[in-house]
N, C-alpha and C. Protein backbone atom coordinates (compact mmCIF):
# COMPACT_ATOMS: atom_id res chain seq x y z
N MET A 1 0.86 -1.19 0.00
CA MET A 1 0.00 0.00 0.00
C MET A 1 0.89 1.24 0.00
N PRO A 2 0.61 2.17 -0.85
CA PRO A 2 1.41 3.38 -0.89
C PRO A 2 1.40 4.13 0.44
N GLY A 3 2.56 4.63 0.83
CA GLY A 3 2.69 5.36 2.07
C GLY A 3 1.78 6.57 2.15
N ARG A 4 1.49 7.16 1.01
CA ARG A 4 0.63 8.34 0.98
C ARG A 4 -0.72 8.06 1.62
N GLN A 5 -1.22 6.84 1.45
CA GLN A 5 -2.53 6.47 1.99
C GLN A 5 -2.47 6.19 3.48
N GLU A 6 -1.28 5.92 4.02
CA GLU A 6 -1.13 5.58 5.43
C GLU A 6 -0.45 6.69 6.22
N LEU A 7 -0.31 7.85 5.63
CA LEU A 7 0.38 8.96 6.27
C LEU A 7 -0.28 9.33 7.59
N PRO A 8 0.48 9.31 8.71
CA PRO A 8 -0.10 9.69 10.00
C PRO A 8 -0.57 11.15 9.99
N SER A 9 -1.58 11.43 10.77
CA SER A 9 -2.16 12.78 10.78
C SER A 9 -1.13 13.82 11.21
N THR A 10 -0.19 13.44 12.08
CA THR A 10 0.83 14.40 12.49
C THR A 10 1.71 14.80 11.31
N LEU A 11 1.97 13.87 10.42
CA LEU A 11 2.80 14.19 9.25
C LEU A 11 2.02 14.95 8.20
N GLU A 12 0.71 14.83 8.20
CA GLU A 12 -0.09 15.60 7.25
C GLU A 12 0.08 17.10 7.49
N ARG A 13 0.43 17.46 8.72
CA ARG A 13 0.62 18.87 9.06
C ARG A 13 2.09 19.29 8.96
N SER A 14 2.95 18.35 8.61
CA SER A 14 4.39 18.60 8.55
C SER A 14 4.79 19.15 7.18
N PRO A 15 6.01 19.67 7.09
CA PRO A 15 6.49 20.16 5.80
C PRO A 15 6.54 19.04 4.76
N GLN A 16 6.46 19.42 3.51
CA GLN A 16 6.43 18.45 2.41
C GLN A 16 7.66 17.53 2.44
N GLU A 17 8.82 18.06 2.77
CA GLU A 17 10.04 17.24 2.80
C GLU A 17 9.92 16.13 3.84
N ALA A 18 9.33 16.41 4.98
CA ALA A 18 9.15 15.38 6.02
C ALA A 18 8.19 14.31 5.53
N ARG A 19 7.12 14.72 4.87
CA ARG A 19 6.16 13.74 4.32
C ARG A 19 6.82 12.88 3.26
N ARG A 20 7.60 13.50 2.40
CA ARG A 20 8.27 12.77 1.32
C ARG A 20 9.23 11.73 1.90
N THR A 21 9.97 12.12 2.94
CA THR A 21 10.91 11.20 3.58
C THR A 21 10.18 10.03 4.21
N TRP A 22 9.08 10.31 4.91
CA TRP A 22 8.31 9.23 5.56
C TRP A 22 7.74 8.27 4.52
N ILE A 23 7.18 8.82 3.46
CA ILE A 23 6.59 7.98 2.41
C ILE A 23 7.66 7.10 1.77
N LYS A 24 8.82 7.67 1.50
CA LYS A 24 9.91 6.91 0.88
C LYS A 24 10.35 5.77 1.81
N ALA A 25 10.51 6.07 3.10
CA ALA A 25 10.92 5.04 4.06
C ALA A 25 9.84 3.97 4.21
N HIS A 26 8.59 4.39 4.27
CA HIS A 26 7.47 3.45 4.40
C HIS A 26 7.42 2.51 3.21
N ASP A 27 7.44 3.07 2.02
CA ASP A 27 7.34 2.25 0.82
C ASP A 27 8.53 1.30 0.69
N SER A 28 9.70 1.75 1.09
CA SER A 28 10.88 0.90 1.06
C SER A 28 10.74 -0.26 2.04
N ALA A 29 10.23 0.02 3.23
CA ALA A 29 10.03 -1.03 4.23
C ALA A 29 8.99 -2.04 3.77
N VAL A 30 7.91 -1.57 3.18
CA VAL A 30 6.88 -2.48 2.68
C VAL A 30 7.46 -3.37 1.59
N GLU A 31 8.26 -2.79 0.72
CA GLU A 31 8.87 -3.57 -0.36
C GLU A 31 9.84 -4.61 0.21
N GLU A 32 10.58 -4.22 1.23
CA GLU A 32 11.59 -5.11 1.82
C GLU A 32 10.97 -6.20 2.68
N TYR A 33 10.01 -5.84 3.51
CA TYR A 33 9.49 -6.76 4.52
C TYR A 33 8.07 -7.24 4.28
N GLY A 34 7.39 -6.61 3.34
CA GLY A 34 6.05 -7.06 3.00
C GLY A 34 4.94 -6.46 3.74
């Protein structure tokens, strides 16, 4: 599932760079660990 859909509400209020970093890490973890 794309990280964008699971973005925590606290990050929704964060700067775009923080959201981008979280989404990238989330998607990488999902790809690696399932």
